[in-house]
N, C-alpha and C. Protein backbone atom coordinates (compact mmCIF):
# COMPACT_ATOMS: atom_id res chain seq x y z
N MET A 1 0.84 -1.20 0.00
CA MET A 1 0.00 0.00 0.00
C MET A 1 0.87 1.24 0.00
N LEU A 2 0.49 2.21 -0.81
CA LEU A 2 1.26 3.45 -0.93
C LEU A 2 0.48 4.60 -0.32
N TYR A 3 1.20 5.44 0.43
CA TYR A 3 0.60 6.63 1.01
C TYR A 3 1.45 7.85 0.63
N GLN A 4 0.77 8.95 0.39
CA GLN A 4 1.48 10.20 0.13
C GLN A 4 1.53 10.96 1.46
N VAL A 5 2.75 11.08 2.01
CA VAL A 5 2.92 11.71 3.32
C VAL A 5 3.89 12.87 3.20
N HIS A 6 3.51 14.01 3.77
CA HIS A 6 4.40 15.17 3.82
C HIS A 6 4.87 15.35 5.25
N LEU A 7 6.16 15.46 5.42
CA LEU A 7 6.75 15.53 6.75
C LEU A 7 6.17 16.66 7.59
N GLN A 8 5.99 17.82 6.97
CA GLN A 8 5.47 18.98 7.72
C GLN A 8 4.05 18.76 8.24
N ASP A 9 3.32 17.84 7.59
CA ASP A 9 1.95 17.55 8.04
C ASP A 9 1.95 16.66 9.29
N LEU A 10 3.08 16.02 9.56
CA LEU A 10 3.16 15.09 10.69
C LEU A 10 3.63 15.78 11.98
N ILE A 11 4.18 16.99 11.84
CA ILE A 11 4.76 17.68 12.99
C ILE A 11 3.88 18.85 13.40
N PRO A 12 3.43 18.89 14.65
CA PRO A 12 2.56 19.99 15.11
C PRO A 12 3.23 21.36 14.99
N GLU A 13 2.44 22.38 14.82
CA GLU A 13 2.96 23.74 14.68
C GLU A 13 3.73 24.18 15.92
N HIS A 14 3.32 23.70 17.11
CA HIS A 14 3.96 24.13 18.35
C HIS A 14 5.16 23.26 18.74
N ASN A 15 5.56 22.34 17.86
CA ASN A 15 6.72 21.50 18.13
C ASN A 15 7.97 22.36 18.36
N PHE A 16 8.81 21.96 19.31
CA PHE A 16 9.98 22.76 19.68
C PHE A 16 10.87 23.07 18.48
N TYR A 17 11.17 22.06 17.66
CA TYR A 17 12.09 22.29 16.55
C TYR A 17 11.50 23.17 15.46
N ARG A 18 10.18 23.15 15.32
CA ARG A 18 9.54 24.08 14.37
C ARG A 18 9.66 25.50 14.90
N LEU A 19 9.43 25.67 16.20
CA LEU A 19 9.57 26.99 16.81
C LEU A 19 11.01 27.48 16.75
N LEU A 20 11.94 26.58 17.00
CA LEU A 20 13.36 26.93 16.96
C LEU A 20 13.78 27.37 15.57
N ASP A 21 13.32 26.65 14.57
CA ASP A 21 13.68 26.97 13.18
C ASP A 21 13.12 28.33 12.77
N THR A 22 11.96 28.67 13.30
CA THR A 22 11.35 29.97 13.01
C THR A 22 12.06 31.09 13.76
N ALA A 23 12.49 30.80 14.98
CA ALA A 23 13.08 31.83 15.85
C ALA A 23 14.51 32.20 15.45
N ILE A 24 15.27 31.23 14.96
CA ILE A 24 16.70 31.45 14.71
C ILE A 24 17.00 31.52 13.21
N ASP A 25 17.77 32.54 12.83
CA ASP A 25 18.23 32.67 11.45
C ASP A 25 19.65 32.10 11.38
N PHE A 26 19.80 30.95 10.77
CA PHE A 26 21.09 30.26 10.71
C PHE A 26 21.92 30.68 9.49
N HIS A 27 21.41 31.57 8.67
CA HIS A 27 22.07 31.86 7.39
C HIS A 27 23.45 32.51 7.53
N PHE A 28 23.74 33.13 8.69
CA PHE A 28 25.05 33.76 8.89
C PHE A 28 26.17 32.72 8.78
N LEU A 29 25.82 31.45 8.98
CA LEU A 29 26.83 30.39 8.95
C LEU A 29 27.42 30.20 7.55
N TYR A 30 26.65 30.50 6.51
CA TYR A 30 27.17 30.34 5.14
C TYR A 30 28.36 31.26 4.89
N LYS A 31 28.20 32.51 5.29
CA LYS A 31 29.29 33.48 5.10
C LYS A 31 30.47 33.15 6.00
N ALA A 32 30.17 32.75 7.24
CA ALA A 32 31.22 32.47 8.22
C ALA A 32 32.08 31.27 7.85
N THR A 33 31.53 30.34 7.05
CA THR A 33 32.26 29.11 6.71
C THR A 33 32.64 29.03 5.24
N ALA A 34 32.36 30.08 4.47
CA ALA A 34 32.54 30.04 3.01
C ALA A 34 33.95 29.64 2.60
N LYS A 35 34.96 30.11 3.32
CA LYS A 35 36.36 29.85 2.89
C LYS A 35 36.76 28.37 3.06
N TYR A 36 35.95 27.60 3.78
CA TYR A 36 36.28 26.20 4.01
C TYR A 36 35.73 25.28 2.91
N TYR A 37 35.00 25.86 1.97
CA TYR A 37 34.37 25.05 0.93
C TYR A 37 34.86 25.48 -0.45
N GLY A 38 35.14 24.48 -1.29
CA GLY A 38 35.56 24.75 -2.65
C GLY A 38 34.51 24.28 -3.64
N ASP A 39 34.81 24.46 -4.92
CA ASP A 39 33.88 24.05 -5.97
C ASP A 39 34.15 22.64 -6.46
N GLU A 40 35.29 22.08 -6.08
CA GLU A 40 35.66 20.76 -6.58
C GLU A 40 35.73 19.77 -5.42
N GLY A 41 35.89 18.51 -5.77
CA GLY A 41 36.04 17.47 -4.75
C GLY A 41 34.70 16.94 -4.27
N GLN A 42 34.76 16.15 -3.22
CA GLN A 42 33.57 15.50 -2.68
C GLN A 42 32.61 16.53 -2.09
N GLU A 43 31.33 16.32 -2.31
CA GLU A 43 30.33 17.26 -1.79
C GLU A 43 30.33 17.24 -0.26
N SER A 44 30.33 18.43 0.32
CA SER A 44 30.38 18.55 1.78
C SER A 44 28.99 18.76 2.37
N ILE A 45 28.89 18.54 3.66
CA ILE A 45 27.63 18.76 4.35
C ILE A 45 27.34 20.25 4.43
N ASP A 46 26.10 20.63 4.21
CA ASP A 46 25.68 22.03 4.31
C ASP A 46 26.01 22.53 5.72
N PRO A 47 26.68 23.69 5.85
CA PRO A 47 27.07 24.17 7.18
C PRO A 47 25.89 24.41 8.12
N VAL A 48 24.75 24.84 7.58
CA VAL A 48 23.57 25.04 8.43
C VAL A 48 23.07 23.69 8.94
N VAL A 49 23.03 22.70 8.08
CA VAL A 49 22.63 21.36 8.50
C VAL A 49 23.60 20.84 9.56
N PHE A 50 24.88 21.04 9.32
CA PHE A 50 25.90 20.57 10.27
C PHE A 50 25.70 21.17 11.67
N PHE A 51 25.52 22.49 11.73
CA PHE A 51 25.38 23.13 13.04
C PHE A 51 24.02 22.84 13.68
N LYS A 52 23.01 22.62 12.85
CA LYS A 52 21.72 22.22 13.41
C LYS A 52 21.83 20.84 14.06
N ILE A 53 22.53 19.93 13.40
CA ILE A 53 22.73 18.60 13.96
C ILE A 53 23.50 18.68 15.27
N CYS A 54 24.55 19.51 15.30
CA CYS A 54 25.33 19.69 16.53
C CYS A 54 24.45 20.28 17.64
N LEU A 55 23.57 21.20 17.26
CA LEU A 55 22.67 21.80 18.23
C LEU A 55 21.71 20.76 18.81
N VAL A 56 21.21 19.88 17.97
CA VAL A 56 20.34 18.80 18.44
C VAL A 56 21.10 17.93 19.45
N GLY A 57 22.36 17.68 19.15
CA GLY A 57 23.19 16.91 20.06
C GLY A 57 23.33 17.59 21.41
N TYR A 58 23.56 18.89 21.37
CA TYR A 58 23.72 19.64 22.62
C TYR A 58 22.42 19.65 23.43
N LEU A 59 21.32 19.93 22.77
CA LEU A 59 20.03 20.03 23.45
C LEU A 59 19.60 18.70 24.08
N ASN A 60 20.05 17.61 23.49
CA ASN A 60 19.64 16.29 24.00
C ASN A 60 20.77 15.54 24.69
N ASN A 61 21.87 16.26 24.92
CA ASN A 61 23.02 15.70 25.63
C ASN A 61 23.52 14.41 24.97
N ILE A 62 23.68 14.47 23.66
CA ILE A 62 24.22 13.34 22.90
C ILE A 62 25.62 13.73 22.44
N ASN A 63 26.63 13.15 23.05
CA ASN A 63 28.00 13.56 22.76
C ASN A 63 28.78 12.53 21.94
N SER A 64 28.05 11.77 21.14
CA SER A 64 28.66 10.81 20.22
C SER A 64 28.09 11.06 18.84
N ASP A 65 28.97 11.24 17.86
CA ASP A 65 28.52 11.51 16.48
C ASP A 65 27.66 10.37 15.94
N ARG A 66 28.07 9.16 16.22
CA ARG A 66 27.33 7.99 15.73
C ARG A 66 25.91 7.97 16.31
N LYS A 67 25.81 8.17 17.63
CA LYS A 67 24.50 8.17 18.28
C LYS A 67 23.66 9.37 17.86
N LEU A 68 24.33 10.48 17.60
CA LEU A 68 23.62 11.69 17.19
C LEU A 68 22.95 11.50 15.84
N ILE A 69 23.67 10.95 14.88
CA ILE A 69 23.09 10.71 13.55
C ILE A 69 21.94 9.70 13.65
N GLU A 70 22.11 8.70 14.48
CA GLU A 70 21.05 7.71 14.68
C GLU A 70 19.80 8.38 15.26
N TYR A 71 20.01 9.26 16.24
CA TYR A 71 18.88 9.97 16.87
C TYR A 71 18.18 10.87 15.85
N CYS A 72 18.95 11.65 15.11
CA CYS A 72 18.37 12.56 14.12
C CYS A 72 17.60 11.79 13.04
N SER A 73 18.13 10.66 12.66
CA SER A 73 17.50 9.84 11.63
C SER A 73 16.14 9.30 12.08
N ASN A 74 16.03 9.03 13.39
CA ASN A 74 14.81 8.42 13.93
C ASN A 74 13.72 9.42 14.34
N CYS A 75 14.04 10.70 14.39
CA CYS A 75 13.09 11.71 14.86
C CYS A 75 12.53 12.53 13.70
N LEU A 76 11.24 12.45 13.51
CA LEU A 76 10.63 13.16 12.38
C LEU A 76 10.76 14.67 12.53
N ASP A 77 10.61 15.19 13.76
CA ASP A 77 10.69 16.64 13.93
C ASP A 77 12.11 17.16 13.68
N VAL A 78 13.10 16.35 14.04
CA VAL A 78 14.49 16.73 13.76
C VAL A 78 14.76 16.69 12.26
N ARG A 79 14.20 15.69 11.59
CA ARG A 79 14.36 15.61 10.13
C ARG A 79 13.80 16.87 9.46
N LEU A 80 12.64 17.31 9.94
CA LEU A 80 12.06 18.53 9.38
C LEU A 80 12.97 19.73 9.67
N PHE A 81 13.52 19.78 10.87
CA PHE A 81 14.41 20.86 11.31
C PHE A 81 15.66 20.97 10.43
N ILE A 82 16.24 19.81 10.07
CA ILE A 82 17.46 19.83 9.27
C ILE A 82 17.19 19.68 7.77
N ARG A 83 15.88 19.63 7.40
CA ARG A 83 15.45 19.58 6.01
C ARG A 83 15.83 18.28 5.30
N TYR A 84 15.67 17.17 6.01
CA TYR A 84 15.86 15.86 5.40
C TYR A 84 14.54 15.13 5.42
N ASP A 85 14.07 14.71 4.25
CA ASP A 85 12.77 14.05 4.16
C ASP A 85 12.85 12.63 4.73
N ILE A 86 11.69 12.03 4.86
CA ILE A 86 11.58 10.70 5.49
C ILE A 86 12.46 9.66 4.80
N ASP A 87 12.54 9.73 3.48
CA ASP A 87 13.26 8.70 2.73
C ASP A 87 14.71 9.08 2.44
N GLU A 88 15.19 10.19 2.97
CA GLU A 88 16.56 10.63 2.71
C GLU A 88 17.53 10.12 3.77
N ALA A 89 18.68 9.63 3.31
CA ALA A 89 19.71 9.18 4.25
C ALA A 89 20.47 10.39 4.78
N LEU A 90 20.69 10.41 6.09
CA LEU A 90 21.44 11.49 6.71
C LEU A 90 22.93 11.31 6.44
N PRO A 91 23.73 12.35 6.66
CA PRO A 91 25.19 12.20 6.46
C PRO A 91 25.75 11.11 7.37
N TRP A 92 26.88 10.54 6.98
CA TRP A 92 27.56 9.56 7.82
C TRP A 92 28.05 10.25 9.09
N HIS A 93 28.12 9.52 10.18
CA HIS A 93 28.61 10.11 11.43
C HIS A 93 30.04 10.60 11.29
N SER A 94 30.82 9.94 10.43
CA SER A 94 32.21 10.37 10.22
C SER A 94 32.27 11.75 9.55
N THR A 95 31.23 12.09 8.79
CA THR A 95 31.17 13.41 8.15
C THR A 95 31.07 14.51 9.19
N ILE A 96 30.35 14.24 10.28
CA ILE A 96 30.21 15.22 11.36
C ILE A 96 31.57 15.46 12.00
N SER A 97 32.29 14.39 12.31
CA SER A 97 33.62 14.50 12.92
C SER A 97 34.58 15.24 11.99
N ARG A 98 34.57 14.86 10.73
CA ARG A 98 35.52 15.45 9.78
C ARG A 98 35.21 16.92 9.50
N THR A 99 33.93 17.28 9.56
CA THR A 99 33.57 18.68 9.34
C THR A 99 34.06 19.55 10.50
N ARG A 100 33.97 19.02 11.72
CA ARG A 100 34.55 19.74 12.86
C ARG A 100 36.05 19.93 12.65
N GLY A 101 36.68 18.88 12.14
CA GLY A 101 38.11 18.96 11.86
C GLY A 101 38.43 19.96 10.76
N LEU A 102 37.55 20.06 9.76
CA LEU A 102 37.73 21.01 8.67
C LEU A 102 37.78 22.44 9.20
N TYR A 103 36.88 22.76 10.11
CA TYR A 103 36.84 24.12 10.67
C TYR A 103 37.96 24.34 11.68
N GLY A 104 38.35 23.28 12.37
CA GLY A 104 39.30 23.43 13.48
C GLY A 104 38.53 23.71 14.77
N GLU A 105 39.11 23.33 15.88
CA GLU A 105 38.43 23.45 17.18
C GLU A 105 38.00 24.87 17.49
N GLU A 106 38.91 25.81 17.27
CA GLU A 106 38.63 27.20 17.66
C GLU A 106 37.47 27.79 16.88
N VAL A 107 37.49 27.61 15.55
CA VAL A 107 36.43 28.17 14.70
C VAL A 107 35.10 27.46 14.97
N PHE A 108 35.16 26.13 15.07
CA PHE A 108 33.93 25.39 15.33
C PHE A 108 33.28 25.85 16.64
N LEU A 109 34.08 25.93 17.71
CA LEU A 109 33.54 26.32 19.01
C LEU A 109 32.99 27.74 18.97
N SER A 110 33.69 28.62 18.28
CA SER A 110 33.23 30.01 18.17
C SER A 110 31.87 30.11 17.47
N LEU A 111 31.71 29.38 16.37
CA LEU A 111 30.45 29.41 15.62
C LEU A 111 29.34 28.69 16.38
N PHE A 112 29.69 27.60 17.05
CA PHE A 112 28.70 26.86 17.82
C PHE A 112 28.19 27.72 18.97
N LYS A 113 29.09 28.46 19.60
CA LYS A 113 28.68 29.37 20.68
C LYS A 113 27.79 30.48 20.14
N ALA A 114 28.09 30.95 18.92
CA ALA A 114 27.26 31.99 18.31
C ALA A 114 25.84 31.49 18.10
N VAL A 115 25.71 30.22 17.68
CA VAL A 115 24.39 29.60 17.50
C VAL A 115 23.67 29.51 18.85
N LEU A 116 24.39 29.08 19.87
CA LEU A 116 23.79 28.94 21.20
C LEU A 116 23.36 30.29 21.77
N LYS A 117 24.16 31.32 21.51
CA LYS A 117 23.81 32.67 21.99
C LYS A 117 22.49 33.13 21.37
N LEU A 118 22.31 32.84 20.09
CA LEU A 118 21.06 33.19 19.42
C LEU A 118 19.89 32.45 20.07
N CYS A 119 20.11 31.18 20.39
CA CYS A 119 19.05 30.38 21.02
C CYS A 119 18.69 30.95 22.39
N VAL A 120 19.70 31.37 23.15
CA VAL A 120 19.45 31.96 24.47
C VAL A 120 18.70 33.27 24.32
N SER A 121 19.13 34.10 23.37
CA SER A 121 18.51 35.41 23.19
C SER A 121 17.04 35.30 22.78
N LYS A 122 16.70 34.20 22.12
CA LYS A 122 15.31 33.97 21.70
C LYS A 122 14.53 33.15 22.73
N GLY A 123 15.18 32.85 23.87
CA GLY A 123 14.50 32.11 24.93
C GLY A 123 14.24 30.66 24.60
N MET A 124 15.09 30.07 23.75
CA MET A 124 14.87 28.68 23.35
C MET A 124 15.69 27.69 24.15
N ILE A 125 16.60 28.20 24.98
CA ILE A 125 17.43 27.32 25.82
C ILE A 125 17.32 27.78 27.26
N ARG A 126 17.11 26.85 28.15
CA ARG A 126 16.93 27.16 29.56
C ARG A 126 18.25 27.24 30.32
N GLY A 127 19.21 26.47 29.94
CA GLY A 127 20.46 26.42 30.68
C GLY A 127 21.33 25.31 30.15
N LYS A 128 22.01 24.63 31.03
CA LYS A 128 22.88 23.55 30.60
C LYS A 128 22.07 22.47 29.88
N ARG A 129 22.79 21.56 29.26
CA ARG A 129 22.15 20.51 28.47
C ARG A 129 21.05 19.80 29.24
N GLN A 130 19.91 19.74 28.62
CA GLN A 130 18.77 19.04 29.22
C GLN A 130 17.75 18.79 28.13
N ALA A 131 16.76 17.99 28.42
CA ALA A 131 15.72 17.71 27.43
C ALA A 131 15.00 18.99 27.07
N VAL A 132 14.68 19.14 25.80
CA VAL A 132 14.02 20.35 25.34
C VAL A 132 12.51 20.20 25.44
N ASP A 133 11.82 21.33 25.43
CA ASP A 133 10.36 21.29 25.39
C ASP A 133 9.88 22.39 24.44
N SER A 134 8.60 22.57 24.36
CA SER A 134 8.06 23.49 23.36
C SER A 134 7.65 24.83 23.96
N VAL A 135 8.21 25.18 25.13
CA VAL A 135 7.79 26.41 25.77
C VAL A 135 8.90 27.45 25.73
N PHE A 136 8.54 28.65 25.32
CA PHE A 136 9.50 29.74 25.36
C PHE A 136 9.73 30.19 26.80
N ILE A 137 10.95 30.67 27.09
CA ILE A 137 11.23 31.20 28.42
C ILE A 137 10.71 32.63 28.48
N LYS A 138 10.18 33.00 29.62
CA LYS A 138 9.73 34.36 29.83
C LYS A 138 10.94 35.29 29.78
N ALA A 139 10.83 36.40 29.09
CA ALA A 139 11.96 37.32 28.94
C ALA A 139 12.37 37.88 30.29
N ASN A 140 13.66 37.80 30.56
CA ASN A 140 14.21 38.34 31.79
C ASN A 140 15.69 38.58 31.54
N ALA A 141 16.08 39.87 31.49
CA ALA A 141 17.43 40.24 31.08
C ALA A 141 18.50 39.62 31.98
N SER A 142 18.30 39.67 33.29
CA SER A 142 19.31 39.16 34.21
C SER A 142 19.43 37.64 34.08
N MET A 143 18.28 36.98 33.89
CA MET A 143 18.31 35.53 33.73
C MET A 143 18.98 35.16 32.42
N ASP A 144 18.68 35.93 31.36
CA ASP A 144 19.28 35.66 30.05
C ASP A 144 20.80 35.69 30.12
N SER A 145 21.36 36.68 30.80
CA SER A 145 22.81 36.80 30.86
C SER A 145 23.40 35.64 31.66
N LEU A 146 22.72 35.21 32.69
CA LEU A 146 23.17 34.08 33.50
C LEU A 146 23.10 32.79 32.70
N VAL A 147 21.99 32.60 31.99
CA VAL A 147 21.81 31.41 31.17
C VAL A 147 22.87 31.37 30.07
N GLU A 148 23.10 32.53 29.44
CA GLU A 148 24.08 32.58 28.35
C GLU A 148 25.47 32.18 28.86
N LYS A 149 25.86 32.71 30.00
CA LYS A 149 27.17 32.39 30.58
C LYS A 149 27.27 30.89 30.86
N GLU A 150 26.23 30.34 31.42
CA GLU A 150 26.20 28.92 31.76
C GLU A 150 26.25 28.05 30.50
N VAL A 151 25.47 28.45 29.50
CA VAL A 151 25.41 27.68 28.25
C VAL A 151 26.75 27.72 27.53
N LEU A 152 27.37 28.88 27.45
CA LEU A 152 28.62 29.01 26.71
C LEU A 152 29.75 28.26 27.41
N GLU A 153 29.74 28.24 28.72
CA GLU A 153 30.73 27.44 29.45
C GLU A 153 30.50 25.95 29.20
N ASP A 154 29.23 25.57 29.20
CA ASP A 154 28.87 24.17 28.98
C ASP A 154 29.18 23.74 27.55
N ALA A 155 29.09 24.69 26.61
CA ALA A 155 29.37 24.37 25.20
C ALA A 155 30.80 23.88 25.04
N SER A 156 31.73 24.51 25.73
CA SER A 156 33.13 24.10 25.65
C SER A 156 33.30 22.67 26.15
N ALA A 157 32.64 22.35 27.25
CA ALA A 157 32.70 20.99 27.80
C ALA A 157 32.08 20.00 26.82
N PHE A 158 30.97 20.39 26.20
CA PHE A 158 30.28 19.52 25.23
C PHE A 158 31.18 19.22 24.04
N VAL A 159 31.86 20.24 23.52
CA VAL A 159 32.75 20.06 22.37
C VAL A 159 33.92 19.15 22.74
N ASP A 160 34.44 19.30 23.96
CA ASP A 160 35.51 18.42 24.43
C ASP A 160 35.03 16.97 24.46
N GLU A 161 33.79 16.77 24.90
CA GLU A 161 33.23 15.42 24.97
C GLU A 161 33.06 14.84 23.56
N LEU A 162 32.59 15.66 22.63
CA LEU A 162 32.44 15.22 21.24
C LEU A 162 33.79 14.75 20.70
N GLU A 163 34.82 15.56 20.96
CA GLU A 163 36.15 15.25 20.45
C GLU A 163 36.69 13.97 21.09
N GLU A 164 36.45 13.84 22.38
CA GLU A 164 36.93 12.66 23.11
C GLU A 164 36.26 11.40 22.59
N ASN A 165 34.98 11.49 22.23
CA ASN A 165 34.22 10.34 21.76
C ASN A 165 34.34 10.11 20.26
N SER A 166 34.98 11.04 19.57
CA SER A 166 35.06 10.94 18.12
C SER A 166 35.97 9.81 17.68
N GLU A 167 35.57 9.15 16.61
CA GLU A 167 36.42 8.11 16.03
C GLU A 167 37.46 8.72 15.09
N PHE A 168 37.35 10.02 14.87
CA PHE A 168 38.27 10.74 14.00
C PHE A 168 38.76 11.97 14.75
N LYS A 169 39.55 11.75 15.79
CA LYS A 169 39.98 12.84 16.65
C LYS A 169 40.83 13.84 15.85
N THR A 170 40.52 15.11 16.02
CA THR A 170 41.21 16.16 15.26
C THR A 170 41.66 17.29 16.18
N THR A 171 42.01 16.98 17.41
CA THR A 171 42.40 18.02 18.36
C THR A 171 43.67 18.71 17.91
N SER A 172 43.84 19.94 18.35
CA SER A 172 45.03 20.71 17.99
C SER A 172 46.29 20.04 18.52
N THR A 173 46.18 19.40 19.69
CA THR A 173 47.33 18.70 20.27
C THR A 173 47.76 17.56 19.36
N ARG A 174 46.76 16.81 18.90
CA ARG A 174 47.06 15.68 18.00
C ARG A 174 47.68 16.18 16.70
N LYS A 175 47.14 17.26 16.14
CA LYS A 175 47.68 17.81 14.90
C LYS A 175 49.12 18.25 15.10
N LYS A 176 49.40 18.86 16.26
CA LYS A 176 50.75 19.33 16.56
C LYS A 176 51.73 18.16 16.62
N LEU A 177 51.30 17.06 17.27
CA LEU A 177 52.15 15.88 17.37
C LEU A 177 52.44 15.27 15.99
N VAL A 178 51.41 15.25 15.15
CA VAL A 178 51.58 14.73 13.78
C VAL A 178 52.55 15.60 13.00
N GLU A 179 52.38 16.93 13.12
CA GLU A 179 53.28 17.86 12.42
C GLU A 179 54.71 17.70 12.89
N GLN A 180 54.90 17.54 14.20
CA GLN A 180 56.25 17.35 14.74
C GLN A 180 56.88 16.08 14.18
N HIS A 181 56.07 15.02 14.08
CA HIS A 181 56.57 13.75 13.53
C HIS A 181 56.99 13.92 12.07
N HIS A 182 56.16 14.61 11.28
CA HIS A 182 56.49 14.82 9.87
C HIS A 182 57.75 15.67 9.72
N ASN A 183 57.88 16.70 10.55
CA ASN A 183 59.07 17.56 10.50
C ASN A 183 60.32 16.76 10.85
N TRP A 184 60.19 15.88 11.87
CA TRP A 184 61.32 15.05 12.27
C TRP A 184 61.74 14.13 11.12
N LYS A 185 60.74 13.55 10.42
CA LYS A 185 61.04 12.65 9.30
C LYS A 185 61.74 13.40 8.18
N LYS A 186 61.28 14.63 7.92
CA LYS A 186 61.91 15.43 6.86
C LYS A 186 63.37 15.71 7.19
N ARG A 187 63.61 16.09 8.46
CA ARG A 187 64.97 16.42 8.88
C ARG A 187 65.87 15.18 8.80
N SER A 188 65.33 14.03 9.22
CA SER A 188 66.13 12.81 9.23
C SER A 188 66.49 12.37 7.81
N ILE A 189 65.64 12.68 6.84
CA ILE A 189 65.91 12.33 5.44
C ILE A 189 66.93 13.29 4.85
N GLN A 190 66.78 14.58 5.20
CA GLN A 190 67.65 15.61 4.63
C GLN A 190 69.04 15.62 5.24
N GLU A 191 69.13 15.35 6.55
CA GLU A 191 70.42 15.41 7.24
C GLU A 191 71.21 14.13 6.99
N PRO A 192 72.46 14.25 6.52
CA PRO A 192 73.28 13.06 6.27
C PRO A 192 73.68 12.40 7.59
N THR A 193 73.79 11.08 7.57
CA THR A 193 74.19 10.33 8.78
C THR A 193 75.71 10.46 8.93
N GLN A 194 76.26 10.01 10.05
CA GLN A 194 77.68 10.08 10.33
C GLN A 194 78.47 9.25 9.31
N SER A 195 77.92 8.06 8.97
CA SER A 195 78.62 7.17 8.02
C SER A 195 78.66 7.81 6.63
N GLN A 196 77.56 8.51 6.28
CA GLN A 196 77.53 9.18 4.97
C GLN A 196 78.56 10.30 4.91
N LEU A 197 78.74 11.00 6.03
CA LEU A 197 79.72 12.09 6.08
C LEU A 197 81.15 11.56 5.93
N GLN A 198 81.44 10.35 6.46
CA GLN A 198 82.77 9.78 6.40
C GLN A 198 83.13 9.33 5.00
N HIS A 199 82.10 8.95 4.22
CA HIS A 199 82.35 8.54 2.82
C HIS A 199 82.39 9.79 1.98
């Protein structure tokens, strides 16, 4: 039996992710990440989709790329939020890890915090990672600043957890160690050994 189903018809208007998508303008991410994308090579994940997926992970305290993609794939409201239809395959979990690596820790964390700040300013985040709901927070300037501080501090911890759990670790420390190893190999090839000098 065949049915014609539209994803937007299955998700209530007051659903949290529908409200979030309406409240937040994610388009600034295209300009902020433009230099990391070229016209050739393998097609990359849309930066807005990437940060939306990371946001879903933060909101639901999912700090594993593999589990995050599985969660997003199984939730109809999240699919609508990231613009993936029911029959569309989501990106591989390794794509999430590698995209973080493409931006680098500093840039990724900076942009992720910018997304979270927007969510706080629109009253879509209550505080540290916790289950989301469909209710806006009552506007309160002092509370907003406190929530923002708490969220941004927690964001750093969340990113550290993602990196720790990643199967494709791309930390700056690891990159530095790899670079040091390559430099050592170059020097050892270029520098003549003692026996070579004697001949």
